[in-house]
């Protein structure tokens, strides 16, 4: 028979090794190009550098191309954040990493999605690893 102490120890180890940190939600709703938020909404060019303040965000360098996957619907009095990933041959180590950034540091250059879906954000939208 498995002792309760052993069961708690195993559950604690599994929880610790998962390595996810739950962060505060930035918004309650988001706009996406499809129900899974997997299609690119638009492409934008970074107007300025942005240094990520925590693991929910991505670093952006001025001039980088950014693929935008979702746009958070801002709460009253909060900033406007979008999620996306950077593309640049100079910063190959950052390609494919998706995170948030202020919409004010980019300028959309091409929109792909004409029809959008507004949906609720979930806690997993704001997890860090």
Foldseek 3Di string as FASTA:
>chain_A
DDDPVVVVVVVVVVVVVVPKDFDDDQAFKKKFLDPVLPDFFFKKFFCAWDDDPDQQADTDHHGWIWGFSMWGDGDPPGFTKTKTFTDDPVCVVRGPDIHIDGPVRIDTDTGDRPDMDMDTDDRVNRMGD
